[in-house]
Amino acid sequence: MDQAQILRVILALLFILVLLLALAWMARRGGWIRNQHRTANLRVLGSHSLGARCSLTVVQIDDTRLVLGVTPQQITLLHTLPAAPGAPAAVADFAESLGKTLSRS
């Protein structure tokens, strides 16, 4: 092999490497590849829409429940609640009382 052929092989290998990296980036960016790191102790207990793009969400992490205000720009911690044995019922009660409060306004 002369130098021109070696250079062509190296350039072809570099092109293939760049093409593979670009395809992997596009697949991850496009949502075809998802993160496999899921937290088992994180659960969304409930959510209540406050408008077009705002909501209140109750999330349980280990033994603590968090009331979060969610907007397109940020997530704000509104309140921290200890875990209760009847957590789903507490979330339903929270949603009902929030709905009543909002309907009075």
Protein backbone atom coordinates (compact mmCIF):
# COMPACT_ATOMS: atom_id res chain seq x y z
CA MET A 1 0.00 0.00 0.00
CA ASP A 2 1.25 3.42 -0.82
CA GLN A 3 0.63 6.59 1.22
CA ALA A 4 -2.43 7.67 -0.81
CA GLN A 5 -4.25 4.41 -0.13
CA ILE A 6 -3.41 4.51 3.59
CA LEU A 7 -4.68 8.09 3.77
CA ARG A 8 -7.93 7.08 2.03
CA VAL A 9 -8.48 4.21 4.50
CA ILE A 10 -7.84 6.48 7.50
CA LEU A 11 -10.21 9.15 6.13
CA ALA A 12 -12.90 6.53 5.44
CA LEU A 13 -12.60 5.19 9.00
CA LEU A 14 -12.80 8.71 10.45
CA PHE A 15 -15.87 9.44 8.32
CA ILE A 16 -17.58 6.27 9.57
CA LEU A 17 -16.72 7.13 13.17
CA VAL A 18 -18.11 10.66 12.84
CA LEU A 19 -21.23 9.29 11.13
CA LEU A 20 -21.83 6.82 14.00
CA LEU A 21 -21.39 9.53 16.62
CA ALA A 22 -23.79 11.82 14.75
CA LEU A 23 -26.41 9.06 14.49
CA ALA A 24 -26.08 8.25 18.21
CA TRP A 25 -26.50 11.95 19.07
CA MET A 26 -29.58 12.22 16.80
CA ALA A 27 -31.11 9.06 18.30
CA ARG A 28 -30.67 10.35 21.83
CA ARG A 29 -31.87 13.85 20.93
CA GLY A 30 -34.88 12.47 19.05
CA GLY A 31 -35.97 10.30 21.97
CA TRP A 32 -35.25 6.96 20.34
CA ILE A 33 -32.82 6.11 23.14
CA ARG A 34 -34.07 6.65 26.66
CA ASN A 35 -32.18 6.83 29.91
CA GLN A 36 -32.35 3.51 31.70
CA HIS A 37 -31.56 5.08 35.08
CA ARG A 38 -34.92 5.15 36.79
CA THR A 39 -35.41 5.90 40.44
CA ALA A 40 -37.59 3.22 42.01
CA ASN A 41 -38.38 5.29 45.09
CA LEU A 42 -39.81 8.25 43.16
CA ARG A 43 -43.55 8.30 42.38
CA VAL A 44 -45.95 10.94 41.11
CA LEU A 45 -49.01 10.64 43.35
CA GLY A 46 -51.19 13.21 41.64
CA SER A 47 -51.32 16.32 39.54
CA HIS A 48 -53.83 19.13 39.13
CA SER A 49 -53.78 21.54 36.19
CA LEU A 50 -53.97 25.23 37.08
CA GLY A 51 -54.10 26.53 33.53
CA ALA A 52 -52.71 25.93 30.09
CA ARG A 53 -49.17 25.14 31.19
CA CYS A 54 -49.10 25.30 35.00
CA SER A 55 -49.90 22.57 37.48
CA LEU A 56 -49.59 21.41 41.07
CA THR A 57 -48.02 18.00 41.50
CA VAL A 58 -47.59 15.77 44.55
CA VAL A 59 -44.48 13.57 44.37
CA GLN A 60 -43.41 10.92 46.87
CA ILE A 61 -39.70 10.33 47.41
CA ASP A 62 -38.92 7.59 49.93
CA ASP A 63 -41.05 8.56 52.96
CA THR A 64 -41.62 12.23 52.10
CA ARG A 65 -44.29 13.81 49.92
CA LEU A 66 -43.51 17.05 48.08
CA VAL A 67 -46.08 19.51 46.75
CA LEU A 68 -44.55 21.12 43.65
CA GLY A 69 -45.64 24.02 41.51
CA VAL A 70 -44.71 23.24 37.91
CA THR A 71 -44.46 25.86 35.15
CA PRO A 72 -42.62 25.77 31.82
CA GLN A 73 -39.78 27.81 33.32
CA GLN A 74 -39.32 26.22 36.74
CA ILE A 75 -40.38 23.77 39.42
CA THR A 76 -40.98 25.24 42.88
CA LEU A 77 -41.26 23.35 46.15
CA LEU A 78 -44.45 24.60 47.81
CA HIS A 79 -44.77 22.27 50.79
CA THR A 80 -43.25 19.13 52.32
CA LEU A 81 -45.52 16.49 53.85
CA PRO A 82 -44.58 13.38 55.83
CA ALA A 83 -45.66 10.12 54.25
CA ALA A 84 -48.98 8.78 55.48
CA PRO A 85 -50.31 5.22 55.23
CA GLY A 86 -53.26 6.52 53.21
CA ALA A 87 -51.18 8.68 50.85
CA PRO A 88 -53.40 8.25 47.74
CA ALA A 89 -56.48 9.25 49.74
CA ALA A 90 -54.63 12.28 51.10
CA VAL A 91 -53.77 13.29 47.55
CA ALA A 92 -57.41 12.97 46.51
CA ASP A 93 -58.47 15.09 49.51
CA PHE A 94 -55.83 17.65 48.58
CA ALA A 95 -57.10 17.80 45.00
CA GLU A 96 -60.70 18.21 46.17
CA SER A 97 -59.87 20.98 48.64
CA LEU A 98 -57.71 22.72 46.02
CA GLY A 99 -60.57 22.55 43.51
CA LYS A 100 -63.00 24.00 46.05
CA THR A 101 -60.60 26.81 46.90
CA LEU A 102 -60.01 27.65 43.26
CA SER A 103 -63.73 27.61 42.44
CA ARG A 104 -64.41 30.13 45.24
CA SER A 105 -61.88 32.61 43.78
